[in-house]
């Protein structure tokens, strides 16, 4: 599937809308415990991708010849053909582990603190991704992208810093939950930056890593890691239904679509567009979970959106000649 730049931007906005539903849906749960929430969502993501990926792979091949599945490596060939799994690749396993960290840390953080706090911390992803890529693979960034990233970072820092100061000033506010939830949430952008750097470095050395199958691996690993801590299960049927919906529409489908977008958009563009998840996620929590954002959230969010729009407008003329990078910043 090949998109124009405008189509990729619109699809990426739709992806952020789907990503942003995790916070508000988590607030609808009745009795699912902390690790149980993570387990069910990851498990349903894995199940969804096990069904989606064979069809995805068939569309990607578009009639390419298929070799016989015989001999000693027949099993690995079968796994790669139908699900894109490449167990012999070290980069593929590192990517899967990074995905599992993102999936697990994101949902755990939501159980400690507010949706806004988690999304604010996660949004430092563009800073981590750009800086790690610059240091380890020498990716050059335009001045406008640096300015936009720093402007977005300033907005995020203001949003989070103001809430932290307010928590310290009012003993009735759970400052411990705020700090712990924020530290857990910080694992998401760190793992994301490592993920994209490893994948991009592998691609530059001739090893093609398909990110969608690595999402499947990450979901499986997250399920395995959290299952012992999730027992005994306490979730109601309604809880399980909500988490199944998240697995399919908040992770499996948007993660696949985001990879398509990343083939057209630059990594900084995708990272900045992904910041829309912050705005959408806070809005849904405000409207349907009664987590009302303060003035600092509104002001910081406006600065983030302004950075996004300005970067897109300033970069309009330079896109046609600029190289594309097949990487992206994905939430969990």
C-alpha atoms as a PDB file:
ATOM      1  CA  UNK A   1       0.000   0.000   0.000  1.00  0.00           C
ATOM      2  CA  UNK A   2       1.559   3.276  -1.143  1.00  0.00           C
ATOM      3  CA  UNK A   3       0.142   6.573   0.104  1.00  0.00           C
ATOM      4  CA  UNK A   4       0.681  10.168  -0.892  1.00  0.00           C
ATOM      5  CA  UNK A   5       2.078  12.454   1.773  1.00  0.00           C
ATOM      6  CA  UNK A   6      -1.308  14.026   2.487  1.00  0.00           C
ATOM      7  CA  UNK A   7      -2.973  10.618   2.738  1.00  0.00           C
ATOM      8  CA  UNK A   8      -0.266   9.442   5.132  1.00  0.00           C
ATOM      9  CA  UNK A   9      -0.798  12.510   7.336  1.00  0.00           C
ATOM     10  CA  UNK A  10      -4.561  11.912   7.469  1.00  0.00           C
ATOM     11  CA  UNK A  11      -4.078   8.227   8.218  1.00  0.00           C
ATOM     12  CA  UNK A  12      -1.612   9.065  10.977  1.00  0.00           C
ATOM     13  CA  UNK A  13      -4.178  11.396  12.547  1.00  0.00           C
ATOM     14  CA  UNK A  14      -6.719   8.541  12.454  1.00  0.00           C
ATOM     15  CA  UNK A  15      -4.120   6.276  14.066  1.00  0.00           C
ATOM     16  CA  UNK A  16      -3.631   8.739  16.934  1.00  0.00           C
ATOM     17  CA  UNK A  17      -7.400   8.827  17.460  1.00  0.00           C
ATOM     18  CA  UNK A  18      -7.400   5.045  17.906  1.00  0.00           C
ATOM     19  CA  UNK A  19      -4.323   5.107  20.154  1.00  0.00           C
ATOM     20  CA  UNK A  20      -5.908   7.776  22.355  1.00  0.00           C
ATOM     21  CA  UNK A  21      -8.796   5.551  23.482  1.00  0.00           C
ATOM     22  CA  UNK A  22      -6.757   3.496  25.967  1.00  0.00           C
ATOM     23  CA  UNK A  23      -7.024   5.956  28.854  1.00  0.00           C
ATOM     24  CA  UNK A  24     -10.769   6.508  28.753  1.00  0.00           C
ATOM     25  CA  UNK A  25     -11.510   2.808  28.193  1.00  0.00           C
ATOM     26  CA  UNK A  26      -9.315   1.860  31.163  1.00  0.00           C
ATOM     27  CA  UNK A  27     -11.510   4.095  33.321  1.00  0.00           C
ATOM     28  CA  UNK A  28     -14.575   2.040  32.389  1.00  0.00           C
ATOM     29  CA  UNK A  29     -13.190  -1.179  33.879  1.00  0.00           C
ATOM     30  CA  UNK A  30     -14.978  -2.592  36.920  1.00  0.00           C
ATOM     31  CA  UNK A  31     -12.694  -5.058  38.701  1.00  0.00           C
ATOM     32  CA  UNK A  32      -9.698  -5.946  36.507  1.00  0.00           C
ATOM     33  CA  UNK A  33      -6.470  -5.623  38.494  1.00  0.00           C
ATOM     34  CA  UNK A  34      -3.322  -3.800  37.426  1.00  0.00           C
ATOM     35  CA  UNK A  35      -1.379  -6.601  35.705  1.00  0.00           C
ATOM     36  CA  UNK A  36      -4.553  -8.312  34.561  1.00  0.00           C
ATOM     37  CA  UNK A  37      -5.424  -5.233  32.495  1.00  0.00           C
ATOM     38  CA  UNK A  38      -2.071  -5.409  30.751  1.00  0.00           C
ATOM     39  CA  UNK A  39      -2.297  -9.162  30.203  1.00  0.00           C
ATOM     40  CA  UNK A  40      -5.736  -9.138  28.580  1.00  0.00           C
ATOM     41  CA  UNK A  41      -4.984  -6.210  26.296  1.00  0.00           C
ATOM     42  CA  UNK A  42      -1.685  -7.725  25.126  1.00  0.00           C
ATOM     43  CA  UNK A  43      -3.254 -11.172  24.697  1.00  0.00           C
ATOM     44  CA  UNK A  44      -6.068  -9.820  22.534  1.00  0.00           C
ATOM     45  CA  UNK A  45      -3.556  -7.792  20.525  1.00  0.00           C
ATOM     46  CA  UNK A  46      -1.596 -10.971  19.816  1.00  0.00           C
ATOM     47  CA  UNK A  47      -4.756 -12.860  18.841  1.00  0.00           C
ATOM     48  CA  UNK A  48      -5.845 -10.034  16.550  1.00  0.00           C
ATOM     49  CA  UNK A  49      -2.482  -9.907  14.800  1.00  0.00           C
ATOM     50  CA  UNK A  50      -2.382 -13.681  14.391  1.00  0.00           C
ATOM     51  CA  UNK A  51      -5.526 -13.288  12.288  1.00  0.00           C
ATOM     52  CA  UNK A  52      -4.638  -9.986  10.563  1.00  0.00           C
ATOM     53  CA  UNK A  53      -1.019 -10.675   9.631  1.00  0.00           C
ATOM     54  CA  UNK A  54      -1.515 -13.518   7.108  1.00  0.00           C
ATOM     55  CA  UNK A  55      -3.892 -11.295   5.116  1.00  0.00           C
ATOM     56  CA  UNK A  56      -1.491  -8.356   5.528  1.00  0.00           C
ATOM     57  CA  UNK A  57       1.416 -10.449   4.278  1.00  0.00           C
ATOM     58  CA  UNK A  58      -0.572 -11.650   1.290  1.00  0.00           C
ATOM     59  CA  UNK A  59      -1.367  -8.071   0.263  1.00  0.00           C
ATOM     60  CA  UNK A  60       2.275  -7.079   0.709  1.00  0.00           C
ATOM     61  CA  UNK A  61       3.520  -9.916  -1.510  1.00  0.00           C
ATOM     62  CA  UNK A  62       1.083  -9.061  -4.337  1.00  0.00           C
ATOM     63  CA  UNK A  63       1.637 -12.223  -6.308  1.00  0.00           C
ATOM     64  CA  UNK A  64       5.337 -12.636  -5.586  1.00  0.00           C
ATOM     65  CA  UNK A  65       6.538 -16.219  -6.113  1.00  0.00           C
ATOM     66  CA  UNK A  66       6.465 -18.461  -3.070  1.00  0.00           C
ATOM     67  CA  UNK A  67       9.128 -21.108  -2.586  1.00  0.00           C
ATOM     68  CA  UNK A  68       8.553 -24.603  -1.203  1.00  0.00           C
ATOM     69  CA  UNK A  69       8.339 -25.158   2.548  1.00  0.00           C
ATOM     70  CA  UNK A  70      10.618 -28.183   2.763  1.00  0.00           C
ATOM     71  CA  UNK A  71      13.844 -29.145   4.484  1.00  0.00           C
ATOM     72  CA  UNK A  72      15.359 -28.261   7.846  1.00  0.00           C
ATOM     73  CA  UNK A  73      14.228 -24.630   7.769  1.00  0.00           C
ATOM     74  CA  UNK A  74      10.644 -25.302   6.683  1.00  0.00           C
ATOM     75  CA  UNK A  75       9.204 -24.254  10.047  1.00  0.00           C
ATOM     76  CA  UNK A  76      11.021 -20.934  10.065  1.00  0.00           C
ATOM     77  CA  UNK A  77      10.066 -20.332   6.434  1.00  0.00           C
ATOM     78  CA  UNK A  78       6.427 -20.980   7.297  1.00  0.00           C
ATOM     79  CA  UNK A  79       6.525 -18.548  10.237  1.00  0.00           C
ATOM     80  CA  UNK A  80       8.140 -15.867   8.108  1.00  0.00           C
ATOM     81  CA  UNK A  81       5.748 -16.338   5.180  1.00  0.00           C
ATOM     82  CA  UNK A  82       2.514 -16.176   7.169  1.00  0.00           C
ATOM     83  CA  UNK A  83       3.405 -13.889  10.070  1.00  0.00           C
ATOM     84  CA  UNK A  84       6.702 -12.271   9.058  1.00  0.00           C
ATOM     85  CA  UNK A  85       8.486 -13.722  12.080  1.00  0.00           C
ATOM     86  CA  UNK A  86      12.260 -13.968  11.729  1.00  0.00           C
ATOM     87  CA  UNK A  87      13.480 -15.711  14.907  1.00  0.00           C
ATOM     88  CA  UNK A  88      17.074 -15.859  13.641  1.00  0.00           C
ATOM     89  CA  UNK A  89      17.329 -12.036  13.687  1.00  0.00           C
ATOM     90  CA  UNK A  90      18.731 -10.429  16.833  1.00  0.00           C
ATOM     91  CA  UNK A  91      17.310  -7.025  15.834  1.00  0.00           C
ATOM     92  CA  UNK A  92      13.853  -8.570  15.469  1.00  0.00           C
ATOM     93  CA  UNK A  93      13.992  -9.919  19.023  1.00  0.00           C
ATOM     94  CA  UNK A  94      15.246  -6.603  20.416  1.00  0.00           C
ATOM     95  CA  UNK A  95      12.391  -4.834  18.661  1.00  0.00           C
ATOM     96  CA  UNK A  96       9.880  -7.312  20.105  1.00  0.00           C
ATOM     97  CA  UNK A  97      11.226  -6.813  23.625  1.00  0.00           C
ATOM     98  CA  UNK A  98      10.963  -3.040  23.197  1.00  0.00           C
ATOM     99  CA  UNK A  99       7.350  -3.393  22.072  1.00  0.00           C
ATOM    100  CA  UNK A 100       6.587  -5.565  25.108  1.00  0.00           C
ATOM    101  CA  UNK A 101       8.051  -2.904  27.419  1.00  0.00           C
ATOM    102  CA  UNK A 102       5.938  -0.204  25.756  1.00  0.00           C
ATOM    103  CA  UNK A 103       2.743  -2.262  25.946  1.00  0.00           C
ATOM    104  CA  UNK A 104       3.280  -3.203  29.593  1.00  0.00           C
ATOM    105  CA  UNK A 105       4.531   0.124  30.933  1.00  0.00           C
ATOM    106  CA  UNK A 106       1.767   2.142  29.285  1.00  0.00           C
ATOM    107  CA  UNK A 107      -1.148   0.252  30.842  1.00  0.00           C
ATOM    108  CA  UNK A 108       0.578  -0.055  34.224  1.00  0.00           C
ATOM    109  CA  UNK A 109       1.206   3.699  34.306  1.00  0.00           C
ATOM    110  CA  UNK A 110      -2.498   4.372  33.697  1.00  0.00           C
ATOM    111  CA  UNK A 111      -3.313   2.442  36.881  1.00  0.00           C
ATOM    112  CA  UNK A 112      -1.057   4.699  38.972  1.00  0.00           C
ATOM    113  CA  UNK A 113      -1.874   8.184  37.746  1.00  0.00           C
ATOM    114  CA  UNK A 114      -4.114  10.215  35.447  1.00  0.00           C
ATOM    115  CA  UNK A 115      -4.420   9.827  31.702  1.00  0.00           C
ATOM    116  CA  UNK A 116      -2.992  13.315  31.198  1.00  0.00           C
ATOM    117  CA  UNK A 117       0.135  12.582  33.234  1.00  0.00           C
ATOM    118  CA  UNK A 118       0.853   9.364  31.359  1.00  0.00           C
ATOM    119  CA  UNK A 119       0.351  10.937  27.941  1.00  0.00           C
ATOM    120  CA  UNK A 120       2.474  13.942  28.881  1.00  0.00           C
ATOM    121  CA  UNK A 121       5.422  11.770  29.879  1.00  0.00           C
ATOM    122  CA  UNK A 122       5.058   9.540  26.833  1.00  0.00           C
ATOM    123  CA  UNK A 123       5.161  12.556  24.571  1.00  0.00           C
ATOM    124  CA  UNK A 124       8.875  13.087  25.128  1.00  0.00           C
ATOM    125  CA  UNK A 125       9.182  10.294  22.556  1.00  0.00           C
ATOM    126  CA  UNK A 126      10.105  12.651  19.688  1.00  0.00           C
ATOM    127  CA  UNK A 127      12.970  14.048  21.761  1.00  0.00           C
ATOM    128  CA  UNK A 128      14.336  10.608  22.619  1.00  0.00           C
ATOM    129  CA  UNK A 129      13.835   9.249  19.111  1.00  0.00           C
ATOM    130  CA  UNK A 130      15.417  12.203  17.326  1.00  0.00           C
ATOM    131  CA  UNK A 131      18.366  12.462  19.686  1.00  0.00           C
ATOM    132  CA  UNK A 132      19.105   8.722  19.811  1.00  0.00           C
ATOM    133  CA  UNK A 133      18.853   8.484  16.007  1.00  0.00           C
ATOM    134  CA  UNK A 134      21.136  11.498  15.639  1.00  0.00           C
ATOM    135  CA  UNK A 135      23.778  10.037  17.971  1.00  0.00           C
ATOM    136  CA  UNK A 136      23.753   6.385  16.882  1.00  0.00           C
ATOM    137  CA  UNK A 137      22.869   6.433  13.176  1.00  0.00           C
ATOM    138  CA  UNK A 138      23.823   9.990  12.235  1.00  0.00           C
ATOM    139  CA  UNK A 139      20.357  11.081  11.095  1.00  0.00           C
ATOM    140  CA  UNK A 140      20.422  14.807  10.336  1.00  0.00           C
ATOM    141  CA  UNK A 141      17.495  16.942  11.440  1.00  0.00           C
ATOM    142  CA  UNK A 142      16.415  20.222   9.883  1.00  0.00           C
ATOM    143  CA  UNK A 143      16.484  23.324  12.065  1.00  0.00           C
ATOM    144  CA  UNK A 144      12.702  23.630  11.829  1.00  0.00           C
ATOM    145  CA  UNK A 145      12.346  20.094  13.227  1.00  0.00           C
ATOM    146  CA  UNK A 146      14.671  20.841  16.138  1.00  0.00           C
ATOM    147  CA  UNK A 147      12.712  24.003  16.941  1.00  0.00           C
ATOM    148  CA  UNK A 148       9.396  22.174  16.716  1.00  0.00           C
ATOM    149  CA  UNK A 149      10.608  19.338  18.943  1.00  0.00           C
ATOM    150  CA  UNK A 150      11.900  21.741  21.566  1.00  0.00           C
ATOM    151  CA  UNK A 151       8.701  23.815  21.436  1.00  0.00           C
ATOM    152  CA  UNK A 152       6.609  20.667  21.886  1.00  0.00           C
ATOM    153  CA  UNK A 153       8.911  19.578  24.699  1.00  0.00           C
ATOM    154  CA  UNK A 154       8.471  22.929  26.418  1.00  0.00           C
ATOM    155  CA  UNK A 155       4.709  22.557  26.278  1.00  0.00           C
ATOM    156  CA  UNK A 156       4.894  19.039  27.694  1.00  0.00           C
ATOM    157  CA  UNK A 157       7.303  20.091  30.452  1.00  0.00           C
ATOM    158  CA  UNK A 158       4.991  22.918  31.459  1.00  0.00           C
ATOM    159  CA  UNK A 159       1.976  20.615  31.576  1.00  0.00           C
ATOM    160  CA  UNK A 160       3.718  18.024  33.726  1.00  0.00           C
ATOM    161  CA  UNK A 161       5.742  20.404  35.908  1.00  0.00           C
ATOM    162  CA  UNK A 162       2.697  22.414  36.914  1.00  0.00           C
ATOM    163  CA  UNK A 163       0.802  19.311  37.959  1.00  0.00           C
ATOM    164  CA  UNK A 164       3.751  18.009  39.950  1.00  0.00           C
ATOM    165  CA  UNK A 165       4.148  21.295  41.818  1.00  0.00           C
ATOM    166  CA  UNK A 166       0.417  21.286  42.558  1.00  0.00           C
ATOM    167  CA  UNK A 167       0.648  17.744  43.910  1.00  0.00           C
ATOM    168  CA  UNK A 168       3.492  18.670  46.234  1.00  0.00           C
ATOM    169  CA  UNK A 169       1.528  21.695  47.479  1.00  0.00           C
ATOM    170  CA  UNK A 170      -1.592  19.695  48.365  1.00  0.00           C
ATOM    171  CA  UNK A 171      -1.048  16.673  50.660  1.00  0.00           C
ATOM    172  CA  UNK A 172      -4.409  15.157  49.705  1.00  0.00           C
ATOM    173  CA  UNK A 173      -3.143  14.609  46.151  1.00  0.00           C
ATOM    174  CA  UNK A 174      -1.386  11.269  45.592  1.00  0.00           C
ATOM    175  CA  UNK A 175       2.069  12.569  44.703  1.00  0.00           C
ATOM    176  CA  UNK A 176       3.580   9.074  45.082  1.00  0.00           C
ATOM    177  CA  UNK A 177       1.226   7.726  42.418  1.00  0.00           C
ATOM    178  CA  UNK A 178       2.035  10.676  40.190  1.00  0.00           C
ATOM    179  CA  UNK A 179       5.785  10.098  40.464  1.00  0.00           C
ATOM    180  CA  UNK A 180       5.632   6.298  40.176  1.00  0.00           C
ATOM    181  CA  UNK A 181       3.182   6.414  37.279  1.00  0.00           C
ATOM    182  CA  UNK A 182       5.342   8.969  35.511  1.00  0.00           C
ATOM    183  CA  UNK A 183       8.502   6.885  35.962  1.00  0.00           C
ATOM    184  CA  UNK A 184       6.743   3.796  34.596  1.00  0.00           C
ATOM    185  CA  UNK A 185       5.368   5.848  31.690  1.00  0.00           C
ATOM    186  CA  UNK A 186       8.891   7.097  30.955  1.00  0.00           C
ATOM    187  CA  UNK A 187       9.817   3.536  29.980  1.00  0.00           C
ATOM    188  CA  UNK A 188       7.596   3.896  26.906  1.00  0.00           C
ATOM    189  CA  UNK A 189       9.536   6.628  25.048  1.00  0.00           C
ATOM    190  CA  UNK A 190      12.878   5.153  26.123  1.00  0.00           C
ATOM    191  CA  UNK A 191      11.949   1.720  24.754  1.00  0.00           C
ATOM    192  CA  UNK A 192      10.501   3.357  21.648  1.00  0.00           C
ATOM    193  CA  UNK A 193      13.689   5.275  20.924  1.00  0.00           C
ATOM    194  CA  UNK A 194      15.789   2.120  21.306  1.00  0.00           C
ATOM    195  CA  UNK A 195      13.367   0.197  19.105  1.00  0.00           C
ATOM    196  CA  UNK A 196      13.439   2.599  16.177  1.00  0.00           C
ATOM    197  CA  UNK A 197      17.202   3.070  16.374  1.00  0.00           C
ATOM    198  CA  UNK A 198      17.838  -0.697  16.299  1.00  0.00           C
ATOM    199  CA  UNK A 199      15.391  -1.203  13.422  1.00  0.00           C
ATOM    200  CA  UNK A 200      16.761   1.705  11.402  1.00  0.00           C
ATOM    201  CA  UNK A 201      20.352   0.601  11.957  1.00  0.00           C
ATOM    202  CA  UNK A 202      19.442  -2.905  10.800  1.00  0.00           C
ATOM    203  CA  UNK A 203      17.802  -1.513   7.679  1.00  0.00           C
ATOM    204  CA  UNK A 204      20.902   0.519   6.802  1.00  0.00           C
ATOM    205  CA  UNK A 205      22.946  -2.702   7.060  1.00  0.00           C
ATOM    206  CA  UNK A 206      20.665  -4.543   4.648  1.00  0.00           C
ATOM    207  CA  UNK A 207      18.477  -6.410   7.148  1.00  0.00           C
ATOM    208  CA  UNK A 208      14.821  -5.608   6.591  1.00  0.00           C
ATOM    209  CA  UNK A 209      12.776  -5.689   9.801  1.00  0.00           C
ATOM    210  CA  UNK A 210       9.001  -5.594   9.354  1.00  0.00           C
ATOM    211  CA  UNK A 211       7.623  -3.717  12.343  1.00  0.00           C
ATOM    212  CA  UNK A 212       4.148  -5.269  12.303  1.00  0.00           C
ATOM    213  CA  UNK A 213       5.369  -8.822  13.080  1.00  0.00           C
ATOM    214  CA  UNK A 214       7.585  -7.363  15.797  1.00  0.00           C
ATOM    215  CA  UNK A 215       4.420  -5.867  17.318  1.00  0.00           C
ATOM    216  CA  UNK A 216       3.008  -9.411  17.433  1.00  0.00           C
ATOM    217  CA  UNK A 217       6.154 -10.636  19.173  1.00  0.00           C
ATOM    218  CA  UNK A 218       5.919  -7.761  21.656  1.00  0.00           C
ATOM    219  CA  UNK A 219       2.292  -8.564  22.455  1.00  0.00           C
ATOM    220  CA  UNK A 220       3.118 -12.225  23.040  1.00  0.00           C
ATOM    221  CA  UNK A 221       6.055 -11.359  25.299  1.00  0.00           C
ATOM    222  CA  UNK A 222       3.984  -8.823  27.249  1.00  0.00           C
ATOM    223  CA  UNK A 223       1.284 -11.452  27.796  1.00  0.00           C
ATOM    224  CA  UNK A 224       3.828 -14.000  29.020  1.00  0.00           C
ATOM    225  CA  UNK A 225       5.556 -11.505  31.337  1.00  0.00           C
ATOM    226  CA  UNK A 226       2.330 -10.318  32.988  1.00  0.00           C
ATOM    227  CA  UNK A 227       0.351 -13.589  33.162  1.00  0.00           C
ATOM    228  CA  UNK A 228       1.880 -14.848  36.463  1.00  0.00           C
ATOM    229  CA  UNK A 229       1.253 -11.444  38.065  1.00  0.00           C
ATOM    230  CA  UNK A 230      -2.296 -11.263  36.689  1.00  0.00           C
ATOM    231  CA  UNK A 231      -3.504 -14.446  38.405  1.00  0.00           C
ATOM    232  CA  UNK A 232      -6.050 -15.001  39.824  1.00  0.00           C
ATOM    233  CA  UNK A 233      -8.255 -13.234  37.289  1.00  0.00           C
ATOM    234  CA  UNK A 234     -10.836 -10.807  38.680  1.00  0.00           C
ATOM    235  CA  UNK A 235     -12.071  -9.129  35.497  1.00  0.00           C
ATOM    236  CA  UNK A 236     -15.769  -9.210  34.708  1.00  0.00           C
ATOM    237  CA  UNK A 237     -17.069 -10.171  31.272  1.00  0.00           C
ATOM    238  CA  UNK A 238     -17.544  -6.472  30.531  1.00  0.00           C
ATOM    239  CA  UNK A 239     -13.922  -5.758  31.480  1.00  0.00           C
ATOM    240  CA  UNK A 240     -12.673  -8.488  29.168  1.00  0.00           C
ATOM    241  CA  UNK A 241     -14.837  -7.138  26.342  1.00  0.00           C
ATOM    242  CA  UNK A 242     -13.402  -3.635  26.796  1.00  0.00           C
ATOM    243  CA  UNK A 243      -9.833  -4.981  26.821  1.00  0.00           C
ATOM    244  CA  UNK A 244     -10.523  -7.111  23.745  1.00  0.00           C
ATOM    245  CA  UNK A 245     -11.689  -3.943  21.984  1.00  0.00           C
ATOM    246  CA  UNK A 246      -8.462  -2.197  22.997  1.00  0.00           C
ATOM    247  CA  UNK A 247      -6.350  -5.090  21.747  1.00  0.00           C
ATOM    248  CA  UNK A 248      -7.933  -4.919  18.304  1.00  0.00           C
ATOM    249  CA  UNK A 249      -8.712  -1.227  17.699  1.00  0.00           C
ATOM    250  CA  UNK A 250      -6.213   0.544  19.960  1.00  0.00           C
ATOM    251  CA  UNK A 251      -3.163  -1.592  19.191  1.00  0.00           C
ATOM    252  CA  UNK A 252      -3.374  -4.188  16.412  1.00  0.00           C
ATOM    253  CA  UNK A 253      -5.069  -2.120  13.692  1.00  0.00           C
ATOM    254  CA  UNK A 254      -3.429   1.291  14.349  1.00  0.00           C
ATOM    255  CA  UNK A 255       0.047  -0.211  14.758  1.00  0.00           C
ATOM    256  CA  UNK A 256      -0.288  -1.853  11.346  1.00  0.00           C
ATOM    257  CA  UNK A 257      -1.522   1.385   9.785  1.00  0.00           C
ATOM    258  CA  UNK A 258       1.255   3.412  11.427  1.00  0.00           C
ATOM    259  CA  UNK A 259       3.859   1.254   9.696  1.00  0.00           C
ATOM    260  CA  UNK A 260       2.266   2.143   6.350  1.00  0.00           C
ATOM    261  CA  UNK A 261       2.478   5.830   7.292  1.00  0.00           C
ATOM    262  CA  UNK A 262       6.131   5.469   8.297  1.00  0.00           C
ATOM    263  CA  UNK A 263       7.017   4.399   4.756  1.00  0.00           C
ATOM    264  CA  UNK A 264       5.976   7.833   3.509  1.00  0.00           C
ATOM    265  CA  UNK A 265       6.605  10.230   6.396  1.00  0.00           C
ATOM    266  CA  UNK A 266       9.888  11.165   8.041  1.00  0.00           C
ATOM    267  CA  UNK A 267      10.492   9.933  11.578  1.00  0.00           C
ATOM    268  CA  UNK A 268      10.237  13.471  13.077  1.00  0.00           C
ATOM    269  CA  UNK A 269       6.983  14.045  11.180  1.00  0.00           C
ATOM    270  CA  UNK A 270       5.470  10.835  12.514  1.00  0.00           C
ATOM    271  CA  UNK A 271       6.735  11.594  16.011  1.00  0.00           C
ATOM    272  CA  UNK A 272       5.204  15.051  16.011  1.00  0.00           C
ATOM    273  CA  UNK A 273       1.906  13.887  14.530  1.00  0.00           C
ATOM    274  CA  UNK A 274       1.798  11.164  17.177  1.00  0.00           C
ATOM    275  CA  UNK A 275       1.707  13.926  19.805  1.00  0.00           C
ATOM    276  CA  UNK A 276      -1.914  14.423  18.818  1.00  0.00           C
ATOM    277  CA  UNK A 277      -2.597  11.391  20.976  1.00  0.00           C
ATOM    278  CA  UNK A 278      -1.928  13.600  23.988  1.00  0.00           C
ATOM    279  CA  UNK A 279      -4.635  16.067  23.020  1.00  0.00           C
ATOM    280  CA  UNK A 280      -7.171  13.444  21.965  1.00  0.00           C
ATOM    281  CA  UNK A 281      -6.508  11.230  24.990  1.00  0.00           C
ATOM    282  CA  UNK A 282      -6.939  14.075  27.479  1.00  0.00           C
ATOM    283  CA  UNK A 283     -10.104  15.186  25.683  1.00  0.00           C
ATOM    284  CA  UNK A 284     -11.714  11.724  25.833  1.00  0.00           C
ATOM    285  CA  UNK A 285     -10.820  11.364  29.525  1.00  0.00           C
ATOM    286  CA  UNK A 286     -12.344  14.793  30.156  1.00  0.00           C
ATOM    287  CA  UNK A 287     -15.589  14.081  28.306  1.00  0.00           C
ATOM    288  CA  UNK A 288     -16.243  10.473  29.371  1.00  0.00           C
ATOM    289  CA  UNK A 289     -14.172   9.806  32.501  1.00  0.00           C
ATOM    290  CA  UNK A 290     -14.500  13.215  34.190  1.00  0.00           C
ATOM    291  CA  UNK A 291     -10.724  13.790  34.419  1.00  0.00           C
ATOM    292  CA  UNK A 292     -10.909  17.533  33.885  1.00  0.00           C
ATOM    293  CA  UNK A 293      -7.647  19.053  32.550  1.00  0.00           C
ATOM    294  CA  UNK A 294      -6.371  22.197  34.228  1.00  0.00           C
ATOM    295  CA  UNK A 295      -5.319  25.454  32.630  1.00  0.00           C
ATOM    296  CA  UNK A 296      -1.722  24.201  32.387  1.00  0.00           C
ATOM    297  CA  UNK A 297      -2.862  21.241  30.289  1.00  0.00           C
ATOM    298  CA  UNK A 298      -4.786  23.513  27.936  1.00  0.00           C
ATOM    299  CA  UNK A 299      -1.877  25.946  27.539  1.00  0.00           C
ATOM    300  CA  UNK A 300       0.776  23.255  27.122  1.00  0.00           C
ATOM    301  CA  UNK A 301      -1.400  21.343  24.676  1.00  0.00           C
ATOM    302  CA  UNK A 302      -1.855  24.468  22.567  1.00  0.00           C
ATOM    303  CA  UNK A 303       1.913  24.845  22.343  1.00  0.00           C
ATOM    304  CA  UNK A 304       2.266  21.214  21.235  1.00  0.00           C
ATOM    305  CA  UNK A 305      -0.362  21.606  18.510  1.00  0.00           C
ATOM    306  CA  UNK A 306       1.238  24.864  17.386  1.00  0.00           C
ATOM    307  CA  UNK A 307       4.596  23.115  17.004  1.00  0.00           C
ATOM    308  CA  UNK A 308       2.977  20.396  14.911  1.00  0.00           C
ATOM    309  CA  UNK A 309       1.231  22.786  12.562  1.00  0.00           C
ATOM    310  CA  UNK A 310       4.248  25.079  12.168  1.00  0.00           C
ATOM    311  CA  UNK A 311       6.598  22.206  11.381  1.00  0.00           C
ATOM    312  CA  UNK A 312       4.218  20.848   8.742  1.00  0.00           C
ATOM    313  CA  UNK A 313       3.829  24.259   7.060  1.00  0.00           C
ATOM    314  CA  UNK A 314       7.554  25.078   7.074  1.00  0.00           C
ATOM    315  CA  UNK A 315       8.467  21.651   5.747  1.00  0.00           C
ATOM    316  CA  UNK A 316       5.910  21.636   2.923  1.00  0.00           C
ATOM    317  CA  UNK A 317       8.355  22.605   0.162  1.00  0.00           C
ATOM    318  CA  UNK A 318      11.239  20.409   1.291  1.00  0.00           C
ATOM    319  CA  UNK A 319       9.420  17.075   1.449  1.00  0.00           C
ATOM    320  CA  UNK A 320       9.711  16.174  -2.214  1.00  0.00           C
ATOM    321  CA  UNK A 321      13.509  16.027  -2.148  1.00  0.00           C
ATOM    322  CA  UNK A 322      14.015  14.803   1.431  1.00  0.00           C
ATOM    323  CA  UNK A 323      14.672  11.110   2.115  1.00  0.00           C
ATOM    324  CA  UNK A 324      12.092   9.032   3.940  1.00  0.00           C
ATOM    325  CA  UNK A 325      12.927   7.005   7.006  1.00  0.00           C
ATOM    326  CA  UNK A 326      11.020   3.821   7.738  1.00  0.00           C
ATOM    327  CA  UNK A 327      10.621   4.311  11.443  1.00  0.00           C
ATOM    328  CA  UNK A 328       8.061   5.826  13.737  1.00  0.00           C
ATOM    329  CA  UNK A 329       7.127   6.636  17.274  1.00  0.00           C
ATOM    330  CA  UNK A 330       4.329   4.418  18.447  1.00  0.00           C
ATOM    331  CA  UNK A 331       2.620   4.562  21.825  1.00  0.00           C
ATOM    332  CA  UNK A 332       1.299   1.694  23.577  1.00  0.00           C
END
